[in-house]
C-alpha atoms as a PDB file:
ATOM      1  CA  MET A   1      -0.212  -0.358  -0.134  1.00  0.00           C
ATOM      2  CA  GLY A   2       2.118   3.347  -1.363  1.00  0.00           C
ATOM      3  CA  ASN A   3       1.275   6.756   0.571  1.00  0.00           C
ATOM      4  CA  HIS A   4      -0.213   9.072  -1.313  1.00  0.00           C
ATOM      5  CA  SER A   5      -0.451  12.513   0.862  1.00  0.00           C
ATOM      6  CA  ALA A   6       2.167  13.632   3.185  1.00  0.00           C
ATOM      7  CA  SER A   7      -0.735  12.726   5.913  1.00  0.00           C
ATOM      8  CA  ALA A   8      -0.843   9.378   5.303  1.00  0.00           C
ATOM      9  CA  LEU A   9       0.006   6.335   7.490  1.00  0.00           C
ATOM     10  CA  GLU A  10       4.018   4.926   7.580  1.00  0.00           C
ATOM     11  CA  GLU A  11       3.813   1.297   7.434  1.00  0.00           C
ATOM     12  CA  SER A  12       5.595   1.183  10.878  1.00  0.00           C
ATOM     13  CA  GLU A  13       2.660   2.961  12.472  1.00  0.00           C
ATOM     14  CA  LEU A  14       0.219   1.131  10.226  1.00  0.00           C
ATOM     15  CA  ARG A  15       1.486  -2.187  12.149  1.00  0.00           C
ATOM     16  CA  ALA A  16       0.788  -0.665  15.727  1.00  0.00           C
ATOM     17  CA  LEU A  17      -2.338   0.389  14.835  1.00  0.00           C
ATOM     18  CA  SER A  18      -3.200  -2.537  13.036  1.00  0.00           C
ATOM     19  CA  ALA A  19      -2.660  -4.406  16.401  1.00  0.00           C
ATOM     20  CA  HIS A  20      -6.269  -2.808  17.508  1.00  0.00           C
ATOM     21  CA  ALA A  21      -8.082  -2.558  15.079  1.00  0.00           C
ATOM     22  CA  SER A  22     -10.496  -4.513  12.997  1.00  0.00           C
ATOM     23  CA  ILE A  23     -11.005  -5.049   9.619  1.00  0.00           C
ATOM     24  CA  GLN A  24     -14.415  -3.664   7.711  1.00  0.00           C
ATOM     25  CA  THR A  25     -14.926  -4.017   4.690  1.00  0.00           C
ATOM     26  CA  TYR A  26     -17.323  -1.770   2.774  1.00  0.00           C
ATOM     27  CA  PRO A  27     -19.230  -1.815  -1.246  1.00  0.00           C
ATOM     28  CA  LYS A  28     -19.510   1.536  -3.512  1.00  0.00           C
ATOM     29  CA  HIS A  29     -21.621   4.726  -2.093  1.00  0.00           C
ATOM     30  CA  ALA A  30     -21.606   2.777   1.753  1.00  0.00           C
ATOM     31  CA  VAL A  31     -22.086   5.820   4.453  1.00  0.00           C
ATOM     32  CA  ILE A  32     -19.774   5.268   6.610  1.00  0.00           C
ATOM     33  CA  VAL A  33     -20.342   8.167   8.941  1.00  0.00           C
ATOM     34  CA  ASN A  34     -22.894  10.549   8.910  1.00  0.00           C
ATOM     35  CA  GLU A  35     -22.245  14.473  10.214  1.00  0.00           C
ATOM     36  CA  GLY A  36     -24.064  14.400  13.390  1.00  0.00           C
ATOM     37  CA  ASP A  37     -24.098  11.270  14.652  1.00  0.00           C
ATOM     38  CA  ARG A  38     -22.159  10.150  17.640  1.00  0.00           C
ATOM     39  CA  SER A  39     -19.921   7.530  17.527  1.00  0.00           C
ATOM     40  CA  ASP A  40     -15.714   6.941  19.011  1.00  0.00           C
ATOM     41  CA  LEU A  41     -14.427   4.856  15.538  1.00  0.00           C
ATOM     42  CA  ILE A  42     -10.724   6.267  13.822  1.00  0.00           C
ATOM     43  CA  PHE A  43     -11.090   4.741  10.078  1.00  0.00           C
ATOM     44  CA  ILE A  44      -7.527   3.753   8.647  1.00  0.00           C
ATOM     45  CA  ILE A  45      -8.068   3.417   4.746  1.00  0.00           C
ATOM     46  CA  GLN A  46      -6.676   0.145   3.953  1.00  0.00           C
ATOM     47  CA  SER A  47      -7.730   0.167   0.032  1.00  0.00           C
ATOM     48  CA  GLY A  48     -10.236   2.521  -1.961  1.00  0.00           C
ATOM     49  CA  ARG A  49     -11.283   5.913  -1.519  1.00  0.00           C
ATOM     50  CA  VAL A  50     -13.726   8.079   0.132  1.00  0.00           C
ATOM     51  CA  LYS A  51     -15.337  11.343   0.742  1.00  0.00           C
ATOM     52  CA  VAL A  52     -15.531  13.415   2.964  1.00  0.00           C
ATOM     53  CA  PHE A  53     -18.690  15.682   3.201  1.00  0.00           C
ATOM     54  CA  LEU A  54     -21.406  18.264   4.361  1.00  0.00           C
ATOM     55  CA  HIS A  55     -25.332  18.334   3.681  1.00  0.00           C
ATOM     56  CA  GLY A  56     -25.909  21.997   2.292  1.00  0.00           C
ATOM     57  CA  LYS A  57     -29.707  23.756   3.878  1.00  0.00           C
ATOM     58  CA  ASP A  58     -30.487  23.148  -0.181  1.00  0.00           C
ATOM     59  CA  GLY A  59     -29.683  19.130  -0.321  1.00  0.00           C
ATOM     60  CA  ARG A  60     -26.990  19.728  -1.833  1.00  0.00           C
ATOM     61  CA  GLU A  61     -23.557  17.680  -0.554  1.00  0.00           C
ATOM     62  CA  LEU A  62     -20.738  20.093  -0.722  1.00  0.00           C
ATOM     63  CA  VAL A  63     -17.269  17.858  -0.944  1.00  0.00           C
ATOM     64  CA  LEU A  64     -14.881  18.273   1.913  1.00  0.00           C
ATOM     65  CA  ASN A  65     -11.769  16.021   1.268  1.00  0.00           C
ATOM     66  CA  VAL A  66     -11.009  13.230  -1.024  1.00  0.00           C
ATOM     67  CA  HIS A  67      -9.227  10.722   0.967  1.00  0.00           C
ATOM     68  CA  GLY A  68      -7.123   7.640  -0.307  1.00  0.00           C
ATOM     69  CA  PRO A  69      -5.174   4.290   0.581  1.00  0.00           C
ATOM     70  CA  GLY A  70      -3.035   5.291   3.931  1.00  0.00           C
ATOM     71  CA  GLU A  71      -5.170   7.608   5.375  1.00  0.00           C
ATOM     72  CA  TYR A  72      -7.645   8.108   7.952  1.00  0.00           C
ATOM     73  CA  PHE A  73     -10.986  10.017   8.984  1.00  0.00           C
ATOM     74  CA  GLY A  74     -12.996  10.404  12.384  1.00  0.00           C
ATOM     75  CA  GLU A  75      -9.507  11.730  14.316  1.00  0.00           C
ATOM     76  CA  MET A  76     -12.311  15.081  15.133  1.00  0.00           C
ATOM     77  CA  VAL A  77     -13.946  12.294  17.581  1.00  0.00           C
ATOM     78  CA  LEU A  78     -11.034  13.001  19.918  1.00  0.00           C
ATOM     79  CA  ASP A  79     -12.914  15.875  21.274  1.00  0.00           C
ATOM     80  CA  GLU A  80     -15.894  14.454  22.472  1.00  0.00           C
ATOM     81  CA  GLY A  81     -18.053  15.817  19.522  1.00  0.00           C
ATOM     82  CA  PRO A  82     -20.531  14.771  17.423  1.00  0.00           C
ATOM     83  CA  ARG A  83     -19.508  13.582  13.372  1.00  0.00           C
ATOM     84  CA  SER A  84     -17.997  16.678  11.751  1.00  0.00           C
ATOM     85  CA  ALA A  85     -19.266  15.417   8.063  1.00  0.00           C
ATOM     86  CA  SER A  86     -20.200  12.615   6.626  1.00  0.00           C
ATOM     87  CA  VAL A  87     -17.720   9.886   4.787  1.00  0.00           C
ATOM     88  CA  MET A  88     -19.052   7.541   1.582  1.00  0.00           C
ATOM     89  CA  THR A  89     -16.869   4.955  -0.296  1.00  0.00           C
ATOM     90  CA  LEU A  90     -16.737   6.399  -4.023  1.00  0.00           C
ATOM     91  CA  GLU A  91     -15.490   2.657  -5.001  1.00  0.00           C
ATOM     92  CA  ALA A  92     -15.090  -0.581  -2.852  1.00  0.00           C
ATOM     93  CA  SER A  93     -13.330   0.332   0.164  1.00  0.00           C
ATOM     94  CA  LYS A  94     -11.414  -2.100   3.167  1.00  0.00           C
ATOM     95  CA  PHE A  95     -10.698  -0.457   6.876  1.00  0.00           C
ATOM     96  CA  LEU A  96      -8.724  -0.733   9.746  1.00  0.00           C
ATOM     97  CA  ILE A  97     -11.320   0.191  12.639  1.00  0.00           C
ATOM     98  CA  ILE A  98      -9.394   1.507  15.581  1.00  0.00           C
ATOM     99  CA  PRO A  99     -11.747   2.169  19.311  1.00  0.00           C
ATOM    100  CA  LYS A 100     -10.713   5.952  19.832  1.00  0.00           C
ATOM    101  CA  SER A 101      -9.053   5.511  23.042  1.00  0.00           C
ATOM    102  CA  ASP A 102      -6.416   2.570  21.301  1.00  0.00           C
ATOM    103  CA  PHE A 103      -5.902   5.835  19.245  1.00  0.00           C
ATOM    104  CA  ARG A 104      -5.356   8.705  21.952  1.00  0.00           C
ATOM    105  CA  ARG A 105      -2.581   5.777  24.052  1.00  0.00           C
ATOM    106  CA  PHE A 106      -1.244   5.328  20.028  1.00  0.00           C
ATOM    107  CA  LEU A 107      -0.836   9.330  20.566  1.00  0.00           C
ATOM    108  CA  SER A 108       1.165   9.305  23.711  1.00  0.00           C
ATOM    109  CA  ALA A 109       2.980   6.448  23.045  1.00  0.00           C
ATOM    110  CA  ASN A 110       3.587   8.566  19.200  1.00  0.00           C
ATOM    111  CA  PRO A 111       4.478  11.920  19.305  1.00  0.00           C
ATOM    112  CA  ASP A 112       5.609  11.816  15.777  1.00  0.00           C
ATOM    113  CA  PHE A 113       2.392  10.681  14.094  1.00  0.00           C
ATOM    114  CA  ALA A 114       0.831  12.865  16.828  1.00  0.00           C
ATOM    115  CA  MET A 115       2.916  16.338  15.483  1.00  0.00           C
ATOM    116  CA  LYS A 116       2.005  14.739  12.030  1.00  0.00           C
ATOM    117  CA  LEU A 117      -1.815  14.876  13.367  1.00  0.00           C
ATOM    118  CA  ILE A 118      -2.024  18.389  14.680  1.00  0.00           C
ATOM    119  CA  ASN A 119       0.105  19.239  11.852  1.00  0.00           C
ATOM    120  CA  ARG A 120      -3.290  17.906   9.372  1.00  0.00           C
ATOM    121  CA  LEU A 121      -5.671  19.623  11.724  1.00  0.00           C
ATOM    122  CA  VAL A 122      -4.074  22.713  11.660  1.00  0.00           C
ATOM    123  CA  ARG A 123      -3.712  22.629   7.519  1.00  0.00           C
ATOM    124  CA  ARG A 124      -7.447  21.598   7.881  1.00  0.00           C
ATOM    125  CA  VAL A 125      -8.053  25.377   9.721  1.00  0.00           C
ATOM    126  CA  ARG A 126      -6.007  27.378   7.261  1.00  0.00           C
ATOM    127  CA  THR A 127      -8.108  25.747   4.380  1.00  0.00           C
ATOM    128  CA  LEU A 128     -11.088  26.768   6.085  1.00  0.00           C
ATOM    129  CA  THR A 129     -10.353  29.840   7.159  1.00  0.00           C
ATOM    130  CA  GLU A 130      -9.656  30.732   3.377  1.00  0.00           C
ATOM    131  CA  ASN A 131     -13.044  29.479   2.037  1.00  0.00           C
ATOM    132  CA  VAL A 132     -14.918  30.945   5.030  1.00  0.00           C
ATOM    133  CA  GLY A 133     -13.150  34.630   3.966  1.00  0.00           C
ATOM    134  CA  SER A 134     -14.101  33.234   0.068  1.00  0.00           C
ATOM    135  CA  LEU A 135     -17.902  32.814   0.668  1.00  0.00           C
ATOM    136  CA  ALA A 136     -17.568  35.993   3.460  1.00  0.00           C
ATOM    137  CA  LEU A 137     -16.883  37.682   0.312  1.00  0.00           C
ATOM    138  CA  LEU A 138     -18.952  36.507  -2.239  1.00  0.00           C
ATOM    139  CA  ASP A 139     -22.318  37.196   0.678  1.00  0.00           C
ATOM    140  CA  VAL A 140     -20.702  41.269   0.820  1.00  0.00           C
ATOM    141  CA  TYR A 141     -20.864  41.590  -3.151  1.00  0.00           C
ATOM    142  CA  GLY A 142     -23.920  40.969  -3.428  1.00  0.00           C
ATOM    143  CA  ARG A 143     -25.282  42.538  -0.642  1.00  0.00           C
ATOM    144  CA  VAL A 144     -23.201  46.343  -1.946  1.00  0.00           C
ATOM    145  CA  ALA A 145     -24.502  45.174  -5.610  1.00  0.00           C
ATOM    146  CA  ARG A 146     -28.356  44.870  -4.198  1.00  0.00           C
ATOM    147  CA  LEU A 147     -27.722  48.379  -2.482  1.00  0.00           C
ATOM    148  CA  LEU A 148     -25.815  49.966  -5.380  1.00  0.00           C
ATOM    149  CA  LEU A 149     -28.809  48.802  -7.757  1.00  0.00           C
ATOM    150  CA  ASP A 150     -31.456  49.641  -5.628  1.00  0.00           C
ATOM    151  CA  LEU A 151     -30.014  53.452  -4.901  1.00  0.00           C
ATOM    152  CA  ALA A 152     -28.820  53.895  -7.984  1.00  0.00           C
ATOM    153  CA  VAL A 153     -31.255  55.992 -10.886  1.00  0.00           C
ATOM    154  CA  GLU A 154     -32.193  55.985 -14.476  1.00  0.00           C
ATOM    155  CA  GLN A 155     -30.262  58.952 -16.533  1.00  0.00           C
ATOM    156  CA  GLU A 156     -31.368  60.545 -19.829  1.00  0.00           C
ATOM    157  CA  ASP A 157     -27.817  58.820 -20.880  1.00  0.00           C
ATOM    158  CA  GLY A 158     -29.027  54.751 -19.759  1.00  0.00           C
ATOM    159  CA  ARG A 159     -26.197  55.115 -17.325  1.00  0.00           C
ATOM    160  CA  LEU A 160     -27.431  54.796 -13.958  1.00  0.00           C
ATOM    161  CA  VAL A 161     -26.270  57.433 -11.171  1.00  0.00           C
ATOM    162  CA  VAL A 162     -26.339  56.710  -7.261  1.00  0.00           C
ATOM    163  CA  ARG A 163     -27.426  59.997  -6.584  1.00  0.00           C
ATOM    164  CA  GLU A 164     -26.704  60.346  -2.733  1.00  0.00           C
ATOM    165  CA  ARG A 165     -22.789  61.005  -2.413  1.00  0.00           C
ATOM    166  CA  LEU A 166     -21.401  57.741  -0.632  1.00  0.00           C
ATOM    167  CA  THR A 167     -18.060  57.088   0.750  1.00  0.00           C
ATOM    168  CA  GLN A 168     -16.876  53.310   1.150  1.00  0.00           C
ATOM    169  CA  LYS A 169     -17.447  53.263   5.004  1.00  0.00           C
ATOM    170  CA  ASP A 170     -21.202  54.513   4.096  1.00  0.00           C
ATOM    171  CA  VAL A 171     -21.555  51.670   2.448  1.00  0.00           C
ATOM    172  CA  ALA A 172     -20.250  49.348   4.061  1.00  0.00           C
ATOM    173  CA  ASP A 173     -22.182  50.345   7.356  1.00  0.00           C
ATOM    174  CA  ARG A 174     -25.562  49.810   4.852  1.00  0.00           C
ATOM    175  CA  VAL A 175     -24.523  46.300   4.034  1.00  0.00           C
ATOM    176  CA  GLY A 176     -23.257  45.583   7.789  1.00  0.00           C
ATOM    177  CA  ALA A 177     -19.115  44.621   6.016  1.00  0.00           C
ATOM    178  CA  SER A 178     -15.584  45.826   6.650  1.00  0.00           C
ATOM    179  CA  ARG A 179     -14.660  48.737   4.849  1.00  0.00           C
ATOM    180  CA  GLU A 180     -12.006  47.395   3.633  1.00  0.00           C
ATOM    181  CA  MET A 181     -14.241  44.507   2.014  1.00  0.00           C
ATOM    182  CA  VAL A 182     -16.289  46.956  -0.027  1.00  0.00           C
ATOM    183  CA  SER A 183     -12.751  48.740  -0.903  1.00  0.00           C
ATOM    184  CA  ARG A 184     -11.991  45.328  -2.572  1.00  0.00           C
ATOM    185  CA  ILE A 185     -15.246  44.612  -4.219  1.00  0.00           C
ATOM    186  CA  PHE A 186     -15.241  48.497  -5.375  1.00  0.00           C
ATOM    187  CA  LYS A 187     -11.611  48.353  -6.544  1.00  0.00           C
ATOM    188  CA  ASP A 188     -12.496  45.439  -8.766  1.00  0.00           C
ATOM    189  CA  LEU A 189     -15.355  47.117  -9.872  1.00  0.00           C
ATOM    190  CA  VAL A 190     -13.744  50.294 -11.339  1.00  0.00           C
ATOM    191  CA  THR A 191     -10.705  48.054 -12.298  1.00  0.00           C
ATOM    192  CA  GLY A 192     -13.414  45.947 -14.828  1.00  0.00           C
ATOM    193  CA  GLY A 193     -14.971  49.476 -15.609  1.00  0.00           C
ATOM    194  CA  TYR A 194     -18.691  48.244 -13.971  1.00  0.00           C
ATOM    195  CA  ILE A 195     -18.585  51.601 -12.135  1.00  0.00           C
ATOM    196  CA  GLU A 196     -17.047  55.027 -11.606  1.00  0.00           C
ATOM    197  CA  VAL A 197     -16.103  56.476  -8.984  1.00  0.00           C
ATOM    198  CA  ASN A 198     -15.496  60.772  -9.213  1.00  0.00           C
ATOM    199  CA  ASP A 199     -16.453  62.607  -5.555  1.00  0.00           C
ATOM    200  CA  ARG A 200     -18.329  60.531  -4.118  1.00  0.00           C
ATOM    201  CA  ARG A 201     -20.998  60.166  -7.156  1.00  0.00           C
ATOM    202  CA  ILE A 202     -20.847  55.935  -8.251  1.00  0.00           C
ATOM    203  CA  THR A 203     -22.026  55.567 -12.167  1.00  0.00           C
ATOM    204  CA  ILE A 204     -23.265  52.309 -13.141  1.00  0.00           C
ATOM    205  CA  ASN A 205     -21.731  52.176 -16.308  1.00  0.00           C
ATOM    206  CA  ARG A 206     -22.784  48.212 -16.930  1.00  0.00           C
ATOM    207  CA  ASN A 207     -24.451  45.397 -15.584  1.00  0.00           C
ATOM    208  CA  LEU A 208     -22.653  44.145 -12.591  1.00  0.00           C
ATOM    209  CA  PRO A 209     -21.088  41.417 -12.781  1.00  0.00           C
ATOM    210  CA  PRO A 210     -23.381  38.554 -11.139  1.00  0.00           C
ATOM    211  CA  ARG A 211     -20.763  36.910  -8.468  1.00  0.00           C
ATOM    212  CA  TRP A 212     -17.447  38.863  -7.334  1.00  0.00           C
END
């Protein structure tokens, strides 16, 4: 079994953990873990692939990650909380399944692996932080675009002009965002030729893009 990522288990680590593990095989498209469930098992993939995903309120899935042989999931149960995401097999897969208590003892006896686990969790947090930042900007852009269009009045030349003389701080206050976020959005809209700002007078030259 080859290691496919920096977070995958080394052969020696796998051997040490397998002494405490049971083996389970699942068919393709089997749900191994349900978001919100409470269980205390950690899964190591011996063969196959899985996707880690969240259920959106609109019924769609948000895939967070795909894991293959040598990788593991379920370590978030170390904090005693519920499952943070769902996991489904993408193909027939075989797992080593380890109780949380044995996994904790393994971490205590293997500080190098414990550090690897910490680094993996840090990378996950960084990725989630970046994603949340992008989603926040996208949401703020939608509110900014809606505000400008609501305030704009059509001129004789067909262009839309916001009659109120608004600063970026004014716009930020009205949409409930930081001035820095609004500044980034305005800069891109001006650069793209969508709007002009002269003496705090905002002119919309053409249809604002649907997404920022």
